[in-house]
Amino acid sequence: MYNVFLLAARLTNQTMKTEGGSDTAKQHAGERAADAVEDGTVVGLGTGSTAAYAIEAIGQAVADGLDVRAIPTSFQSRQLALEYDIPLTTLDAVDGVDLAIDGADQVVDDPESAAHGALIKGGGGAHAREKLVDAAADRFLVVADPSKLTTDLDRSVPLEVLPDAHTVVTERVRALDGEPTLRDAEHKDGPVVTDNGNLLLDCEFGTIADPDALATTLASIPGVVEHGLFVGLADVTYIGTADGVDVRTY
């Protein structure tokens, strides 16, 4: 069996990656989401260690005869899909996406909150393509372990920005009382460059009281390609545990 974490480590050359949670919990969540993939469907493949388990399970189902086409959201997920001989396609080549499976860096787990099910993504730097595919899907399934659950979003929010715009965007974020940091690469000099050729700003806002409002504001800043707030997109979150999977529906 291919080592999905070795692949992730080799392909993800950046400092802000969100780890945590047991491998068993991640595997349970990923495999449960993969069970929702039906014959003849188009599925979006997310990025990260938990999504990698879903891709692995889908690949095993393809080897057993499952007929699917998949749209990867990053170089990492594309390489893993190719390793498992999962047929690939693009958004332009299909009429729609039936299902998307993706991980999260943080998930609001509070049924009494208007932000229930809101996510922060982008620790792997792929959130622009992830949001494109996840938003296009008829159903968006989030896979996570318990360490990603929270009552309030308070992690830094990644912004993918045009290279020429990072100074201007930095000033705009500071005007919002945010603290942006240009994400540096681990194994080369200089900043991380996304699959789209852009830069990443990791923006601290403290506890985010209104994720929807902040998402709208960030999206309006010229030069921001995409932000890592996913609000109102998730349909289900599968939370892997040592014994199985807990399910949240929205």
Protein backbone atom coordinates (compact mmCIF):
# COMPACT_ATOMS: atom_id res chain seq x y z
CA MET A 1 0.00 0.00 0.00
CA TYR A 2 1.35 3.42 -0.95
CA ASN A 3 2.36 5.60 1.97
CA VAL A 4 0.01 8.59 1.67
CA PHE A 5 1.80 10.56 4.36
CA LEU A 6 5.19 10.14 2.67
CA LEU A 7 3.63 11.54 -0.49
CA ALA A 8 2.08 14.44 1.38
CA ALA A 9 5.37 15.28 3.06
CA ARG A 10 7.27 15.19 -0.23
CA LEU A 11 4.81 17.32 -2.18
CA THR A 12 3.87 19.94 0.41
CA ASN A 13 6.77 22.40 0.67
CA GLN A 14 5.46 24.94 3.11
CA THR A 15 5.42 25.84 6.78
CA MET A 16 1.72 26.15 7.61
CA LYS A 17 0.34 22.63 7.68
CA THR A 18 -2.24 21.60 10.25
CA GLU A 19 -1.55 18.27 11.88
CA GLY A 20 -3.11 16.60 14.88
CA GLY A 21 -5.45 13.73 15.52
CA SER A 22 -4.67 10.05 15.22
CA ASP A 23 -4.08 8.27 11.93
CA THR A 24 -6.85 5.84 12.88
CA ALA A 25 -9.39 8.64 13.30
CA LYS A 26 -8.39 10.19 9.99
CA GLN A 27 -8.63 6.85 8.24
CA HIS A 28 -12.11 6.19 9.62
CA ALA A 29 -13.34 9.61 8.43
CA GLY A 30 -11.80 9.27 4.99
CA GLU A 31 -13.10 5.77 4.40
CA ARG A 32 -16.61 6.72 5.55
CA ALA A 33 -16.72 9.58 3.04
CA ALA A 34 -15.41 7.32 0.29
CA ASP A 35 -18.33 4.98 0.92
CA ALA A 36 -20.64 7.76 -0.34
CA VAL A 37 -19.06 7.70 -3.82
CA GLU A 38 -21.40 5.92 -6.22
CA ASP A 39 -20.85 4.30 -9.57
CA GLY A 40 -20.91 6.69 -12.52
CA THR A 41 -20.30 9.85 -10.52
CA VAL A 42 -17.86 12.75 -10.67
CA VAL A 43 -16.04 13.34 -7.39
CA GLY A 44 -13.82 16.17 -6.21
CA LEU A 45 -10.67 15.05 -4.42
CA GLY A 46 -9.49 17.26 -1.57
CA THR A 47 -6.05 17.84 -0.17
CA GLY A 48 -4.38 16.84 3.09
CA SER A 49 -3.76 13.81 5.26
CA THR A 50 -7.41 12.95 6.00
CA ALA A 51 -8.55 13.48 2.41
CA ALA A 52 -5.67 11.24 1.37
CA TYR A 53 -7.32 8.32 3.16
CA ALA A 54 -10.51 8.97 1.19
CA ILE A 55 -8.56 9.01 -2.07
CA GLU A 56 -6.87 5.75 -1.11
CA ALA A 57 -10.25 4.13 -0.38
CA ILE A 58 -11.71 5.40 -3.66
CA GLY A 59 -8.69 4.00 -5.48
CA GLN A 60 -9.25 0.60 -3.92
CA ALA A 61 -12.91 0.75 -4.99
CA VAL A 62 -11.84 1.67 -8.54
CA ALA A 63 -9.58 -1.38 -8.56
CA ASP A 64 -12.65 -3.42 -7.62
CA GLY A 65 -14.65 -2.01 -10.54
CA LEU A 66 -16.09 1.32 -9.37
CA ASP A 67 -16.66 3.66 -12.33
CA VAL A 68 -15.87 7.26 -11.34
CA ARG A 69 -14.14 10.34 -12.67
CA ALA A 70 -12.28 12.56 -10.26
CA ILE A 71 -11.25 16.20 -10.17
CA PRO A 72 -8.15 16.79 -8.02
CA THR A 73 -7.81 20.06 -6.12
CA SER A 74 -4.02 20.13 -5.92
CA PHE A 75 -0.83 18.62 -7.26
CA GLN A 76 -0.78 16.42 -4.17
CA SER A 77 -4.25 14.97 -4.70
CA ARG A 78 -3.61 14.55 -8.42
CA GLN A 79 -0.45 12.54 -7.79
CA LEU A 80 -2.16 10.34 -5.24
CA ALA A 81 -5.11 9.72 -7.59
CA LEU A 82 -2.70 8.75 -10.36
CA GLU A 83 -0.95 6.36 -7.98
CA TYR A 84 -4.28 4.59 -7.48
CA ASP A 85 -5.27 4.70 -11.17
CA ILE A 86 -8.33 6.87 -10.50
CA PRO A 87 -9.53 8.36 -13.82
CA LEU A 88 -9.14 12.14 -13.78
CA THR A 89 -11.06 14.94 -15.44
CA THR A 90 -11.52 18.72 -15.09
CA LEU A 91 -14.40 21.04 -14.24
CA ASP A 92 -14.52 22.21 -17.86
CA ALA A 93 -15.00 18.66 -19.12
CA VAL A 94 -17.99 17.66 -16.97
CA ASP A 95 -21.59 18.78 -16.62
CA GLY A 96 -21.31 18.88 -12.84
CA VAL A 97 -19.67 17.48 -9.72
CA ASP A 98 -21.75 15.00 -7.75
CA LEU A 99 -19.64 14.92 -4.61
CA ALA A 100 -16.55 16.57 -3.15
CA ILE A 101 -14.53 15.19 -0.25
CA ASP A 102 -12.11 17.48 1.54
CA GLY A 103 -10.48 18.05 4.89
CA ALA A 104 -10.44 21.13 7.11
CA ASP A 105 -8.09 22.91 9.47
CA GLN A 106 -10.94 23.94 11.77
CA VAL A 107 -14.67 23.15 11.86
CA VAL A 108 -17.26 24.99 13.97
CA ASP A 109 -19.14 22.33 15.93
CA ASP A 110 -21.90 24.23 17.71
CA PRO A 111 -25.50 23.60 16.58
CA GLU A 112 -26.63 26.74 18.42
CA SER A 113 -24.27 28.94 16.42
CA ALA A 114 -25.06 30.56 13.07
CA ALA A 115 -21.53 29.52 12.08
CA HIS A 116 -22.17 25.79 12.68
CA GLY A 117 -20.29 23.91 9.97
CA ALA A 118 -18.11 26.85 8.93
CA LEU A 119 -14.52 25.92 8.11
CA ILE A 120 -11.04 27.32 7.89
CA LYS A 121 -9.00 25.67 5.15
CA GLY A 122 -5.76 26.42 3.39
CA GLY A 123 -3.08 24.97 5.64
CA GLY A 124 -1.88 23.09 2.57
CA GLY A 125 -2.17 26.17 0.37
CA ALA A 126 -4.73 24.62 -1.99
CA HIS A 127 -7.89 26.40 -0.79
CA ALA A 128 -8.54 28.33 -4.02
CA ARG A 129 -8.91 25.19 -6.11
CA GLU A 130 -10.56 23.38 -3.22
CA LYS A 131 -13.26 26.03 -2.90
CA LEU A 132 -13.84 26.03 -6.66
CA VAL A 133 -14.51 22.29 -6.69
CA ASP A 134 -16.25 22.08 -3.30
CA ALA A 135 -18.67 24.88 -4.19
CA ALA A 136 -19.43 23.28 -7.55
CA ALA A 137 -20.35 19.94 -5.98
CA ASP A 138 -23.92 18.88 -5.31
CA ARG A 139 -22.71 17.59 -1.94
CA PHE A 140 -19.61 18.63 -0.03
CA LEU A 141 -18.40 16.11 2.55
CA VAL A 142 -15.85 17.27 5.12
CA VAL A 143 -13.52 14.72 6.71
CA ALA A 144 -11.85 15.56 10.00
CA ASP A 145 -10.63 14.21 13.31
CA PRO A 146 -11.79 15.58 16.69
CA SER A 147 -8.78 17.89 17.00
CA LYS A 148 -10.25 20.07 14.23
CA LEU A 149 -13.54 20.78 16.06
CA THR A 150 -14.08 24.14 17.75
CA THR A 151 -16.87 26.35 19.04
CA ASP A 152 -15.32 29.42 17.35
CA LEU A 153 -12.92 29.81 14.45
CA ASP A 154 -9.67 31.24 15.74
CA ARG A 155 -6.91 29.92 13.51
CA SER A 156 -5.16 32.16 11.01
CA VAL A 157 -7.06 32.58 7.74
CA PRO A 158 -4.97 31.90 4.62
CA LEU A 159 -5.32 34.31 1.72
CA GLU A 160 -4.03 33.40 -1.72
CA VAL A 161 -2.93 36.68 -3.28
CA LEU A 162 -1.49 37.85 -6.57
CA PRO A 163 2.29 38.33 -6.21
CA ASP A 164 2.09 42.02 -7.12
CA ALA A 165 -0.71 42.59 -4.62
CA HIS A 166 0.69 41.16 -1.40
CA THR A 167 1.82 44.54 -0.02
CA VAL A 168 -1.53 46.19 -0.75
CA VAL A 169 -3.46 43.23 0.66
CA THR A 170 -1.27 43.26 3.77
CA GLU A 171 -2.23 46.89 4.39
CA ARG A 172 -5.93 46.16 3.89
CA VAL A 173 -5.83 43.23 6.30
CA ARG A 174 -4.11 45.34 8.95
CA ALA A 175 -6.84 47.94 8.51
CA LEU A 176 -9.26 45.16 9.51
CA ASP A 177 -7.23 44.60 12.72
CA GLY A 178 -5.73 41.47 11.24
CA GLU A 179 -2.07 40.46 11.38
CA PRO A 180 -0.90 38.99 8.05
CA THR A 181 2.29 36.97 7.62
CA LEU A 182 3.74 35.96 4.27
CA ARG A 183 4.07 32.18 4.32
CA ASP A 184 7.69 31.06 3.91
CA ALA A 185 8.75 27.82 2.25
CA GLU A 186 10.55 25.19 4.31
CA HIS A 187 13.01 23.82 1.79
CA LYS A 188 13.79 26.81 -0.39
CA ASP A 189 14.55 30.48 0.13
CA GLY A 190 11.59 32.79 -0.21
CA PRO A 191 7.84 32.42 0.06
CA VAL A 192 5.55 29.51 -0.71
CA VAL A 193 4.20 29.65 -4.27
CA THR A 194 0.81 28.01 -4.79
CA ASP A 195 -0.13 25.65 -7.61
CA ASN A 196 -1.66 28.75 -9.24
CA GLY A 197 1.58 30.73 -9.05
CA ASN A 198 0.44 33.02 -6.24
CA LEU A 199 1.56 33.85 -2.69
CA LEU A 200 -0.04 33.08 0.66
CA LEU A 201 -0.74 35.41 3.56
CA ASP A 202 -1.69 33.77 6.86
CA CYS A 203 -3.89 36.30 8.65
CA GLU A 204 -4.56 36.28 12.39
CA PHE A 205 -7.89 37.80 13.44
CA GLY A 206 -8.21 36.23 16.88
CA THR A 207 -11.63 34.72 17.53
CA ILE A 208 -13.79 35.29 14.45
CA ALA A 209 -17.21 36.34 15.74
CA ASP A 210 -18.87 36.48 12.31
CA PRO A 211 -17.14 34.25 9.73
CA ASP A 212 -19.68 35.11 7.04
CA ALA A 213 -19.09 38.86 7.34
CA LEU A 214 -15.30 38.45 7.38
CA ALA A 215 -15.48 36.17 4.34
CA THR A 216 -17.43 38.82 2.42
CA THR A 217 -14.96 41.54 3.39
CA LEU A 218 -11.87 39.52 2.48
CA ALA A 219 -13.35 38.52 -0.88
CA SER A 220 -13.81 42.20 -1.74
CA ILE A 221 -10.12 43.10 -1.36
CA PRO A 222 -8.49 43.60 -4.79
CA GLY A 223 -5.64 41.16 -5.28
CA VAL A 224 -7.13 38.42 -3.10
CA VAL A 225 -7.60 35.34 -5.27
CA GLU A 226 -9.35 33.36 -2.53
CA HIS A 227 -9.59 33.20 1.26
CA GLY A 228 -9.69 30.14 3.49
CA LEU A 229 -13.10 30.72 5.08
CA PHE A 230 -15.64 28.17 3.84
CA VAL A 231 -19.02 29.35 5.11
CA GLY A 232 -22.29 27.66 4.20
CA LEU A 233 -20.63 25.15 1.87
CA ALA A 234 -20.39 21.93 3.88
CA ASP A 235 -23.29 19.47 3.81
CA VAL A 236 -21.84 16.84 6.14
CA THR A 237 -18.79 16.47 8.36
CA TYR A 238 -17.48 12.98 9.11
CA ILE A 239 -15.47 13.09 12.33
CA GLY A 240 -13.27 10.07 12.69
CA THR A 241 -12.70 8.61 16.14
CA ALA A 242 -10.76 5.66 17.49
CA ASP A 243 -13.91 3.54 17.32
CA GLY A 244 -15.73 4.83 14.25
CA VAL A 245 -17.24 8.01 12.84
CA ASP A 246 -19.46 10.76 14.24
CA VAL A 247 -21.61 12.62 11.71
CA ARG A 248 -22.70 16.25 11.58
CA THR A 249 -25.22 17.37 8.97
CA TYR A 250 -26.02 20.98 8.07
